[in-house]
Full PDB file with SEQRES, HELIX, SHEET, SSBOND, CRYST1, ORIGX, SCALE, CONECT and MASTER records, all heavy atoms in Angstrom:
SEQRES   1 A   41  GLY ARG GLY LYS VAL SER GLU LEU MET GLY ASP VAL ALA          
SEQRES   2 A   41  LYS GLY ILE LYS SER PHE LYS LYS GLY MET ALA GLU ASP          
SEQRES   3 A   41  ASP GLU PRO THR PRO THR VAL ASP PRO LYS VAL ILE ASP          
SEQRES   4 A   41  GLN VAL                                                      
HELIX    1 AA1 ARG A    2  ASP A   26  1                                  25    
HELIX    2 AA2 PRO A   35  GLN A   40  1                                   6    
CRYST1    1.000    1.000    1.000  90.00  90.00  90.00 P 1           1          
ORIGX1      1.000000  0.000000  0.000000        0.00000                         
ORIGX2      0.000000  1.000000  0.000000        0.00000                         
ORIGX3      0.000000  0.000000  1.000000        0.00000                         
SCALE1      1.000000  0.000000  0.000000        0.00000                         
SCALE2      0.000000  1.000000  0.000000        0.00000                         
SCALE3      0.000000  0.000000  1.000000        0.00000                         
ATOM      1  N   GLY A   1     139.768  83.386  86.113  1.00  0.00           N  
ATOM      2  CA  GLY A   1     138.918  82.759  85.105  1.00  0.00           C  
ATOM      3  C   GLY A   1     137.884  83.640  84.523  1.00  0.00           C  
ATOM      4  O   GLY A   1     137.610  84.729  85.100  1.00  0.00           O  
ATOM      5  N   ARG A   2     137.343  83.265  83.358  1.00  0.00           N  
ATOM      6  CA  ARG A   2     136.316  84.061  82.639  1.00  0.00           C  
ATOM      7  C   ARG A   2     135.117  84.285  83.482  1.00  0.00           C  
ATOM      8  O   ARG A   2     134.478  85.328  83.487  1.00  0.00           O  
ATOM      9  CB  ARG A   2     135.998  83.562  81.258  1.00  0.00           C  
ATOM     10  CG  ARG A   2     137.132  83.763  80.304  1.00  0.00           C  
ATOM     11  CD  ARG A   2     136.773  83.300  78.899  1.00  0.00           C  
ATOM     12  NE  ARG A   2     135.458  83.845  78.515  1.00  0.00           N  
ATOM     13  CZ  ARG A   2     134.767  83.360  77.464  1.00  0.00           C  
ATOM     14  NH1 ARG A   2     135.290  82.314  76.820  1.00  0.00           N  
ATOM     15  NH2 ARG A   2     133.670  83.801  77.178  1.00  0.00           N  
ATOM     16  N   GLY A   3     134.601  83.205  84.061  1.00  0.00           N  
ATOM     17  CA  GLY A   3     133.398  83.280  84.751  1.00  0.00           C  
ATOM     18  C   GLY A   3     133.409  84.267  86.021  1.00  0.00           C  
ATOM     19  O   GLY A   3     132.483  84.943  86.276  1.00  0.00           O  
ATOM     20  N   LYS A   4     134.462  84.237  86.718  1.00  0.00           N  
ATOM     21  CA  LYS A   4     134.649  85.004  87.932  1.00  0.00           C  
ATOM     22  C   LYS A   4     134.722  86.543  87.581  1.00  0.00           C  
ATOM     23  O   LYS A   4     134.187  87.333  88.280  1.00  0.00           O  
ATOM     24  CB  LYS A   4     135.955  84.648  88.683  1.00  0.00           C  
ATOM     25  CG  LYS A   4     135.839  83.384  89.437  1.00  0.00           C  
ATOM     26  CD  LYS A   4     135.033  83.503  90.620  1.00  0.00           C  
ATOM     27  CE  LYS A   4     135.070  82.191  91.439  1.00  0.00           C  
ATOM     28  NZ  LYS A   4     134.297  82.307  92.632  1.00  0.00           N  
ATOM     29  N   VAL A   5     135.458  86.841  86.498  1.00  0.00           N  
ATOM     30  CA  VAL A   5     135.556  88.203  86.011  1.00  0.00           C  
ATOM     31  C   VAL A   5     134.229  88.700  85.648  1.00  0.00           C  
ATOM     32  O   VAL A   5     133.775  89.851  86.042  1.00  0.00           O  
ATOM     33  CB  VAL A   5     136.655  88.367  84.915  1.00  0.00           C  
ATOM     34  CG1 VAL A   5     136.579  89.802  84.403  1.00  0.00           C  
ATOM     35  CG2 VAL A   5     138.051  88.020  85.465  1.00  0.00           C  
ATOM     36  N   SER A   6     133.481  87.981  84.845  1.00  0.00           N  
ATOM     37  CA  SER A   6     132.162  88.410  84.374  1.00  0.00           C  
ATOM     38  C   SER A   6     131.174  88.588  85.551  1.00  0.00           C  
ATOM     39  O   SER A   6     130.341  89.387  85.589  1.00  0.00           O  
ATOM     40  CB  SER A   6     131.568  87.569  83.303  1.00  0.00           C  
ATOM     41  OG  SER A   6     131.385  86.192  83.775  1.00  0.00           O  
ATOM     42  N   GLU A   7     131.240  87.622  86.490  1.00  0.00           N  
ATOM     43  CA  GLU A   7     130.430  87.633  87.720  1.00  0.00           C  
ATOM     44  C   GLU A   7     130.791  88.813  88.531  1.00  0.00           C  
ATOM     45  O   GLU A   7     129.860  89.581  89.065  1.00  0.00           O  
ATOM     46  CB  GLU A   7     130.662  86.324  88.471  1.00  0.00           C  
ATOM     47  CG  GLU A   7     129.730  86.219  89.710  1.00  0.00           C  
ATOM     48  CD  GLU A   7     130.110  84.968  90.467  1.00  0.00           C  
ATOM     49  OE1 GLU A   7     130.074  83.919  89.782  1.00  0.00           O  
ATOM     50  OE2 GLU A   7     130.202  85.039  91.684  1.00  0.00           O  
ATOM     51  N   LEU A   8     132.049  89.162  88.598  1.00  0.00           N  
ATOM     52  CA  LEU A   8     132.493  90.330  89.413  1.00  0.00           C  
ATOM     53  C   LEU A   8     132.009  91.677  88.806  1.00  0.00           C  
ATOM     54  O   LEU A   8     131.505  92.495  89.441  1.00  0.00           O  
ATOM     55  CB  LEU A   8     134.032  90.376  89.541  1.00  0.00           C  
ATOM     56  CG  LEU A   8     134.551  91.557  90.288  1.00  0.00           C  
ATOM     57  CD1 LEU A   8     134.214  91.539  91.682  1.00  0.00           C  
ATOM     58  CD2 LEU A   8     136.070  91.540  90.059  1.00  0.00           C  
ATOM     59  N   MET A   9     131.988  91.809  87.447  1.00  0.00           N  
ATOM     60  CA  MET A   9     131.553  92.894  86.694  1.00  0.00           C  
ATOM     61  C   MET A   9     130.049  93.038  86.883  1.00  0.00           C  
ATOM     62  O   MET A   9     129.445  94.155  87.016  1.00  0.00           O  
ATOM     63  CB  MET A   9     131.899  92.942  85.292  1.00  0.00           C  
ATOM     64  CG  MET A   9     133.411  92.964  85.087  1.00  0.00           C  
ATOM     65  SD  MET A   9     134.270  94.313  85.925  1.00  0.00           S  
ATOM     66  CE  MET A   9     133.521  95.745  85.057  1.00  0.00           C  
ATOM     67  N   GLY A  10     129.262  91.962  86.886  1.00  0.00           N  
ATOM     68  CA  GLY A  10     127.836  91.989  87.099  1.00  0.00           C  
ATOM     69  C   GLY A  10     127.498  92.423  88.461  1.00  0.00           C  
ATOM     70  O   GLY A  10     126.590  93.209  88.643  1.00  0.00           O  
ATOM     71  N   ASP A  11     128.316  92.009  89.455  1.00  0.00           N  
ATOM     72  CA  ASP A  11     128.122  92.459  90.881  1.00  0.00           C  
ATOM     73  C   ASP A  11     128.313  94.063  90.911  1.00  0.00           C  
ATOM     74  O   ASP A  11     127.627  94.719  91.664  1.00  0.00           O  
ATOM     75  CB  ASP A  11     128.946  91.733  91.800  1.00  0.00           C  
ATOM     76  CG  ASP A  11     128.508  90.243  91.989  1.00  0.00           C  
ATOM     77  OD1 ASP A  11     127.359  89.938  91.595  1.00  0.00           O  
ATOM     78  OD2 ASP A  11     129.361  89.493  92.517  1.00  0.00           O  
ATOM     79  N   VAL A  12     129.351  94.425  90.261  1.00  0.00           N  
ATOM     80  CA  VAL A  12     129.690  95.872  90.226  1.00  0.00           C  
ATOM     81  C   VAL A  12     128.479  96.697  89.645  1.00  0.00           C  
ATOM     82  O   VAL A  12     128.093  97.686  90.099  1.00  0.00           O  
ATOM     83  CB  VAL A  12     131.057  96.240  89.573  1.00  0.00           C  
ATOM     84  CG1 VAL A  12     131.181  97.667  89.307  1.00  0.00           C  
ATOM     85  CG2 VAL A  12     132.162  95.588  90.329  1.00  0.00           C  
ATOM     86  N   ALA A  13     128.000  96.112  88.541  1.00  0.00           N  
ATOM     87  CA  ALA A  13     126.830  96.848  87.873  1.00  0.00           C  
ATOM     88  C   ALA A  13     125.625  96.870  88.769  1.00  0.00           C  
ATOM     89  O   ALA A  13     124.953  97.926  88.827  1.00  0.00           O  
ATOM     90  CB  ALA A  13     126.510  96.084  86.520  1.00  0.00           C  
ATOM     91  N   LYS A  14     125.389  95.800  89.424  1.00  0.00           N  
ATOM     92  CA  LYS A  14     124.213  95.779  90.346  1.00  0.00           C  
ATOM     93  C   LYS A  14     124.399  96.737  91.512  1.00  0.00           C  
ATOM     94  O   LYS A  14     123.466  97.492  91.845  1.00  0.00           O  
ATOM     95  CB  LYS A  14     124.078  94.350  90.985  1.00  0.00           C  
ATOM     96  CG  LYS A  14     123.439  93.376  90.039  1.00  0.00           C  
ATOM     97  CD  LYS A  14     123.438  91.942  90.656  1.00  0.00           C  
ATOM     98  CE  LYS A  14     122.890  90.911  89.704  1.00  0.00           C  
ATOM     99  NZ  LYS A  14     122.904  89.578  90.281  1.00  0.00           N  
ATOM    100  N   GLY A  15     125.608  96.901  91.995  1.00  0.00           N  
ATOM    101  CA  GLY A  15     125.879  97.841  93.054  1.00  0.00           C  
ATOM    102  C   GLY A  15     125.677  99.221  92.544  1.00  0.00           C  
ATOM    103  O   GLY A  15     125.127 100.089  93.245  1.00  0.00           O  
ATOM    104  N   ILE A  16     126.083  99.532  91.352  1.00  0.00           N  
ATOM    105  CA  ILE A  16     125.938 100.882  90.786  1.00  0.00           C  
ATOM    106  C   ILE A  16     124.417 101.222  90.559  1.00  0.00           C  
ATOM    107  O   ILE A  16     123.952 102.316  90.939  1.00  0.00           O  
ATOM    108  CB  ILE A  16     126.689 101.106  89.400  1.00  0.00           C  
ATOM    109  CG1 ILE A  16     128.191 101.018  89.766  1.00  0.00           C  
ATOM    110  CG2 ILE A  16     126.217 102.323  88.676  1.00  0.00           C  
ATOM    111  CD1 ILE A  16     129.080 101.003  88.538  1.00  0.00           C  
ATOM    112  N   LYS A  17     123.645 100.269  90.103  1.00  0.00           N  
ATOM    113  CA  LYS A  17     122.241 100.456  89.952  1.00  0.00           C  
ATOM    114  C   LYS A  17     121.568 100.641  91.250  1.00  0.00           C  
ATOM    115  O   LYS A  17     120.692 101.495  91.422  1.00  0.00           O  
ATOM    116  CB  LYS A  17     121.614  99.194  89.191  1.00  0.00           C  
ATOM    117  CG  LYS A  17     121.963  99.133  87.774  1.00  0.00           C  
ATOM    118  CD  LYS A  17     121.367  97.903  87.107  1.00  0.00           C  
ATOM    119  CE  LYS A  17     121.648  97.709  85.668  1.00  0.00           C  
ATOM    120  NZ  LYS A  17     121.097  96.581  85.128  1.00  0.00           N  
ATOM    121  N   SER A  18     122.034  99.908  92.242  1.00  0.00           N  
ATOM    122  CA  SER A  18     121.338 100.027  93.599  1.00  0.00           C  
ATOM    123  C   SER A  18     121.715 101.411  94.205  1.00  0.00           C  
ATOM    124  O   SER A  18     120.869 102.082  94.732  1.00  0.00           O  
ATOM    125  CB  SER A  18     121.940  98.969  94.554  1.00  0.00           C  
ATOM    126  OG  SER A  18     121.372  99.134  95.819  1.00  0.00           O  
ATOM    127  N   PHE A  19     122.978 101.908  93.959  1.00  0.00           N  
ATOM    128  CA  PHE A  19     123.321 103.148  94.496  1.00  0.00           C  
ATOM    129  C   PHE A  19     122.497 104.295  93.813  1.00  0.00           C  
ATOM    130  O   PHE A  19     121.995 105.216  94.456  1.00  0.00           O  
ATOM    131  CB  PHE A  19     124.812 103.372  94.223  1.00  0.00           C  
ATOM    132  CG  PHE A  19     125.253 104.790  94.675  1.00  0.00           C  
ATOM    133  CD1 PHE A  19     125.471 105.077  95.957  1.00  0.00           C  
ATOM    134  CD2 PHE A  19     125.549 105.757  93.675  1.00  0.00           C  
ATOM    135  CE1 PHE A  19     125.950 106.294  96.330  1.00  0.00           C  
ATOM    136  CE2 PHE A  19     125.940 106.966  94.000  1.00  0.00           C  
ATOM    137  CZ  PHE A  19     126.174 107.301  95.356  1.00  0.00           C  
ATOM    138  N   LYS A  20     122.378 104.181  92.528  1.00  0.00           N  
ATOM    139  CA  LYS A  20     121.568 105.173  91.691  1.00  0.00           C  
ATOM    140  C   LYS A  20     120.043 105.192  92.182  1.00  0.00           C  
ATOM    141  O   LYS A  20     119.464 106.269  92.421  1.00  0.00           O  
ATOM    142  CB  LYS A  20     121.554 104.896  90.290  1.00  0.00           C  
ATOM    143  CG  LYS A  20     122.938 105.285  89.623  1.00  0.00           C  
ATOM    144  CD  LYS A  20     122.884 105.062  88.104  1.00  0.00           C  
ATOM    145  CE  LYS A  20     124.207 105.462  87.477  1.00  0.00           C  
ATOM    146  NZ  LYS A  20     124.136 105.295  85.985  1.00  0.00           N  
ATOM    147  N   LYS A  21     119.572 103.974  92.405  1.00  0.00           N  
ATOM    148  CA  LYS A  21     118.124 103.876  92.906  1.00  0.00           C  
ATOM    149  C   LYS A  21     118.044 104.561  94.306  1.00  0.00           C  
ATOM    150  O   LYS A  21     117.053 105.283  94.597  1.00  0.00           O  
ATOM    151  CB  LYS A  21     117.711 102.430  92.974  1.00  0.00           C  
ATOM    152  CG  LYS A  21     116.306 102.248  93.402  1.00  0.00           C  
ATOM    153  CD  LYS A  21     115.933 100.774  93.423  1.00  0.00           C  
ATOM    154  CE  LYS A  21     114.512 100.526  93.899  1.00  0.00           C  
ATOM    155  NZ  LYS A  21     114.081  99.141  93.928  1.00  0.00           N  
ATOM    156  N   GLY A  22     119.021 104.319  95.173  1.00  0.00           N  
ATOM    157  CA  GLY A  22     119.004 104.901  96.481  1.00  0.00           C  
ATOM    158  C   GLY A  22     119.145 106.376  96.449  1.00  0.00           C  
ATOM    159  O   GLY A  22     118.391 107.062  97.256  1.00  0.00           O  
ATOM    160  N   MET A  23     119.843 106.922  95.579  1.00  0.00           N  
ATOM    161  CA  MET A  23     119.947 108.427  95.450  1.00  0.00           C  
ATOM    162  C   MET A  23     118.683 108.932  94.906  1.00  0.00           C  
ATOM    163  O   MET A  23     118.273 110.045  95.284  1.00  0.00           O  
ATOM    164  CB  MET A  23     121.193 108.693  94.534  1.00  0.00           C  
ATOM    165  CG  MET A  23     122.629 108.340  95.114  1.00  0.00           C  
ATOM    166  SD  MET A  23     122.941 109.209  96.640  1.00  0.00           S  
ATOM    167  CE  MET A  23     123.043 110.799  96.082  1.00  0.00           C  
ATOM    168  N   ALA A  24     118.075 108.216  93.964  1.00  0.00           N  
ATOM    169  CA  ALA A  24     116.784 108.762  93.354  1.00  0.00           C  
ATOM    170  C   ALA A  24     115.685 108.783  94.462  1.00  0.00           C  
ATOM    171  O   ALA A  24     114.890 109.624  94.472  1.00  0.00           O  
ATOM    172  CB  ALA A  24     116.337 107.869  92.211  1.00  0.00           C  
ATOM    173  N   GLU A  25     115.672 107.827  95.400  1.00  0.00           N  
ATOM    174  CA  GLU A  25     114.702 107.793  96.430  1.00  0.00           C  
ATOM    175  C   GLU A  25     114.880 108.952  97.472  1.00  0.00           C  
ATOM    176  O   GLU A  25     113.957 109.498  97.927  1.00  0.00           O  
ATOM    177  CB  GLU A  25     114.758 106.476  97.213  1.00  0.00           C  
ATOM    178  CG  GLU A  25     114.299 105.335  96.354  1.00  0.00           C  
ATOM    179  CD  GLU A  25     114.504 103.988  97.109  1.00  0.00           C  
ATOM    180  OE1 GLU A  25     115.044 104.019  98.177  1.00  0.00           O  
ATOM    181  OE2 GLU A  25     114.116 102.986  96.554  1.00  0.00           O  
ATOM    182  N   ASP A  26     116.085 109.409  97.619  1.00  0.00           N  
ATOM    183  CA  ASP A  26     116.324 110.470  98.484  1.00  0.00           C  
ATOM    184  C   ASP A  26     115.951 111.847  97.931  1.00  0.00           C  
ATOM    185  O   ASP A  26     115.705 112.864  98.660  1.00  0.00           O  
ATOM    186  CB  ASP A  26     117.849 110.632  98.812  1.00  0.00           C  
ATOM    187  CG  ASP A  26     118.393 109.486  99.653  1.00  0.00           C  
ATOM    188  OD1 ASP A  26     117.538 108.819 100.243  1.00  0.00           O  
ATOM    189  OD2 ASP A  26     119.572 109.303  99.739  1.00  0.00           O  
ATOM    190  N   ASP A  27     115.668 111.915  96.618  1.00  0.00           N  
ATOM    191  CA  ASP A  27     115.248 113.119  95.954  1.00  0.00           C  
ATOM    192  C   ASP A  27     113.795 113.510  95.992  1.00  0.00           C  
ATOM    193  O   ASP A  27     113.339 114.457  95.484  1.00  0.00           O  
ATOM    194  CB  ASP A  27     115.812 113.156  94.479  1.00  0.00           C  
ATOM    195  CG  ASP A  27     117.254 113.235  94.463  1.00  0.00           C  
ATOM    196  OD1 ASP A  27     117.831 113.570  95.376  1.00  0.00           O  
ATOM    197  OD2 ASP A  27     117.822 112.848  93.293  1.00  0.00           O  
ATOM    198  N   GLU A  28     113.018 112.516  96.604  1.00  0.00           N  
ATOM    199  CA  GLU A  28     111.644 112.798  96.728  1.00  0.00           C  
ATOM    200  C   GLU A  28     111.320 114.015  97.545  1.00  0.00           C  
ATOM    201  O   GLU A  28     111.862 114.182  98.635  1.00  0.00           O  
ATOM    202  CB  GLU A  28     110.850 111.607  97.396  1.00  0.00           C  
ATOM    203  CG  GLU A  28     110.938 110.344  96.474  1.00  0.00           C  
ATOM    204  CD  GLU A  28     110.315 109.200  97.168  1.00  0.00           C  
ATOM    205  OE1 GLU A  28     109.828 109.311  98.288  1.00  0.00           O  
ATOM    206  OE2 GLU A  28     110.352 108.110  96.607  1.00  0.00           O  
ATOM    207  N   PRO A  29     110.442 114.914  97.099  1.00  0.00           N  
ATOM    208  CA  PRO A  29     110.217 116.111  97.871  1.00  0.00           C  
ATOM    209  C   PRO A  29     109.345 115.756  99.144  1.00  0.00           C  
ATOM    210  O   PRO A  29     108.574 114.823  99.187  1.00  0.00           O  
ATOM    211  CB  PRO A  29     109.345 116.953  96.899  1.00  0.00           C  
ATOM    212  CG  PRO A  29     108.732 115.973  95.950  1.00  0.00           C  
ATOM    213  CD  PRO A  29     109.619 114.822  95.861  1.00  0.00           C  
ATOM    214  N   THR A  30     109.670 116.615 100.203  1.00  0.00           N  
ATOM    215  CA  THR A  30     108.914 116.400 101.382  1.00  0.00           C  
ATOM    216  C   THR A  30     107.580 117.077 101.278  1.00  0.00           C  
ATOM    217  O   THR A  30     107.427 118.128 100.660  1.00  0.00           O  
ATOM    218  CB  THR A  30     109.721 117.037 102.523  1.00  0.00           C  
ATOM    219  OG1 THR A  30     110.014 118.427 102.285  1.00  0.00           O  
ATOM    220  CG2 THR A  30     111.080 116.286 102.839  1.00  0.00           C  
ATOM    221  N   PRO A  31     106.535 116.486 101.810  1.00  0.00           N  
ATOM    222  CA  PRO A  31     105.218 117.101 101.671  1.00  0.00           C  
ATOM    223  C   PRO A  31     105.114 118.355 102.383  1.00  0.00           C  
ATOM    224  O   PRO A  31     105.721 118.524 103.484  1.00  0.00           O  
ATOM    225  CB  PRO A  31     104.275 115.931 102.273  1.00  0.00           C  
ATOM    226  CG  PRO A  31     105.146 115.123 103.204  1.00  0.00           C  
ATOM    227  CD  PRO A  31     106.552 115.256 102.623  1.00  0.00           C  
ATOM    228  N   THR A  32     104.402 119.301 101.833  1.00  0.00           N  
ATOM    229  CA  THR A  32     104.264 120.590 102.526  1.00  0.00           C  
ATOM    230  C   THR A  32     102.952 120.579 103.201  1.00  0.00           C  
ATOM    231  O   THR A  32     101.946 119.913 102.866  1.00  0.00           O  
ATOM    232  CB  THR A  32     104.277 121.738 101.488  1.00  0.00           C  
ATOM    233  OG1 THR A  32     103.272 121.484 100.531  1.00  0.00           O  
ATOM    234  CG2 THR A  32     105.656 121.835 100.798  1.00  0.00           C  
ATOM    235  N   VAL A  33     102.876 121.412 104.248  1.00  0.00           N  
ATOM    236  CA  VAL A  33     101.689 121.590 104.991  1.00  0.00           C  
ATOM    237  C   VAL A  33     100.975 122.849 104.628  1.00  0.00           C  
ATOM    238  O   VAL A  33     101.597 123.966 104.470  1.00  0.00           O  
ATOM    239  CB  VAL A  33     101.998 121.548 106.528  1.00  0.00           C  
ATOM    240  CG1 VAL A  33     100.697 121.685 107.367  1.00  0.00           C  
ATOM    241  CG2 VAL A  33     102.709 120.375 106.903  1.00  0.00           C  
ATOM    242  N   ASP A  34      99.697 122.812 104.540  1.00  0.00           N  
ATOM    243  CA  ASP A  34      98.885 123.954 104.093  1.00  0.00           C  
ATOM    244  C   ASP A  34      98.998 125.009 105.200  1.00  0.00           C  
ATOM    245  O   ASP A  34      98.674 124.667 106.409  1.00  0.00           O  
ATOM    246  CB  ASP A  34      97.497 123.546 103.837  1.00  0.00           C  
ATOM    247  CG  ASP A  34      96.603 124.694 103.310  1.00  0.00           C  
ATOM    248  OD1 ASP A  34      97.130 125.624 102.877  1.00  0.00           O  
ATOM    249  OD2 ASP A  34      95.332 124.487 103.315  1.00  0.00           O  
ATOM    250  N   PRO A  35      99.283 126.202 104.964  1.00  0.00           N  
ATOM    251  CA  PRO A  35      99.329 127.356 106.067  1.00  0.00           C  
ATOM    252  C   PRO A  35      98.071 127.394 106.844  1.00  0.00           C  
ATOM    253  O   PRO A  35      98.062 127.774 107.972  1.00  0.00           O  
ATOM    254  CB  PRO A  35      99.601 128.599 105.195  1.00  0.00           C  
ATOM    255  CG  PRO A  35     100.239 128.155 104.029  1.00  0.00           C  
ATOM    256  CD  PRO A  35      99.585 126.780 103.648  1.00  0.00           C  
ATOM    257  N   LYS A  36      96.853 127.150 106.181  1.00  0.00           N  
ATOM    258  CA  LYS A  36      95.619 127.243 106.888  1.00  0.00           C  
ATOM    259  C   LYS A  36      95.526 126.324 107.991  1.00  0.00           C  
ATOM    260  O   LYS A  36      95.001 126.468 109.071  1.00  0.00           O  
ATOM    261  CB  LYS A  36      94.424 127.062 105.908  1.00  0.00           C  
ATOM    262  CG  LYS A  36      94.271 128.099 104.837  1.00  0.00           C  
ATOM    263  CD  LYS A  36      93.220 127.820 103.871  1.00  0.00           C  
ATOM    264  CE  LYS A  36      93.171 128.837 102.734  1.00  0.00           C  
ATOM    265  NZ  LYS A  36      92.072 128.476 101.847  1.00  0.00           N  
ATOM    266  N   VAL A  37      96.160 125.029 107.777  1.00  0.00           N  
ATOM    267  CA  VAL A  37      96.082 124.020 108.789  1.00  0.00           C  
ATOM    268  C   VAL A  37      96.965 124.433 109.993  1.00  0.00           C  
ATOM    269  O   VAL A  37      96.619 124.321 111.142  1.00  0.00           O  
ATOM    270  CB  VAL A  37      96.595 122.621 108.220  1.00  0.00           C  
ATOM    271  CG1 VAL A  37      96.774 121.604 109.234  1.00  0.00           C  
ATOM    272  CG2 VAL A  37      95.661 122.247 107.149  1.00  0.00           C  
ATOM    273  N   ILE A  38      98.120 125.002 109.730  1.00  0.00           N  
ATOM    274  CA  ILE A  38      99.103 125.491 110.718  1.00  0.00           C  
ATOM    275  C   ILE A  38      98.372 126.530 111.574  1.00  0.00           C  
ATOM    276  O   ILE A  38      98.392 126.558 112.805  1.00  0.00           O  
ATOM    277  CB  ILE A  38     100.338 126.062 110.108  1.00  0.00           C  
ATOM    278  CG1 ILE A  38     101.114 124.865 109.492  1.00  0.00           C  
ATOM    279  CG2 ILE A  38     101.211 126.705 111.220  1.00  0.00           C  
ATOM    280  CD1 ILE A  38     102.386 125.378 108.764  1.00  0.00           C  
ATOM    281  N   ASP A  39      97.621 127.542 110.856  1.00  0.00           N  
ATOM    282  CA  ASP A  39      96.929 128.580 111.648  1.00  0.00           C  
ATOM    283  C   ASP A  39      95.899 127.970 112.483  1.00  0.00           C  
ATOM    284  O   ASP A  39      95.625 128.454 113.610  1.00  0.00           O  
ATOM    285  CB  ASP A  39      96.334 129.560 110.640  1.00  0.00           C  
ATOM    286  CG  ASP A  39      97.365 130.358 109.999  1.00  0.00           C  
ATOM    287  OD1 ASP A  39      98.621 130.490 110.480  1.00  0.00           O  
ATOM    288  OD2 ASP A  39      97.068 130.946 108.873  1.00  0.00           O  
ATOM    289  N   GLN A  40      95.172 126.972 111.969  1.00  0.00           N  
ATOM    290  CA  GLN A  40      94.116 126.347 112.794  1.00  0.00           C  
ATOM    291  C   GLN A  40      94.614 125.613 113.964  1.00  0.00           C  
ATOM    292  O   GLN A  40      93.979 125.811 115.103  1.00  0.00           O  
ATOM    293  CB  GLN A  40      93.264 125.295 111.894  1.00  0.00           C  
ATOM    294  CG  GLN A  40      92.103 124.706 112.522  1.00  0.00           C  
ATOM    295  CD  GLN A  40      91.027 125.635 113.035  1.00  0.00           C  
ATOM    296  OE1 GLN A  40      90.656 126.572 112.241  1.00  0.00           O  
ATOM    297  NE2 GLN A  40      90.485 125.485 114.179  1.00  0.00           N  
ATOM    298  N   VAL A  41      95.739 124.943 113.850  1.00  0.00           N  
ATOM    299  CA  VAL A  41      96.398 124.257 114.995  1.00  0.00           C  
ATOM    300  C   VAL A  41      96.820 125.252 116.024  1.00  0.00           C  
ATOM    301  O   VAL A  41      96.586 125.078 117.200  1.00  0.00           O  
ATOM    302  CB  VAL A  41      97.527 123.430 114.492  1.00  0.00           C  
ATOM    303  CG1 VAL A  41      98.379 122.914 115.675  1.00  0.00           C  
ATOM    304  CG2 VAL A  41      97.046 122.255 113.641  1.00  0.00           C  
TER     305      VAL A  41                                                      
MASTER        0    0    0    2    0    0    0    6  304    1    0    4          
END                                                                             
């Protein structure tokens, strides 16, 4: 039926958006530590 196909395509689109969002979150840079702090420790 038309409703099921459009609903299925909407779910696929949501999955793709969620995947892209998850990949973007992984790209955040890790914070760096100041070398002066390391020397002090």
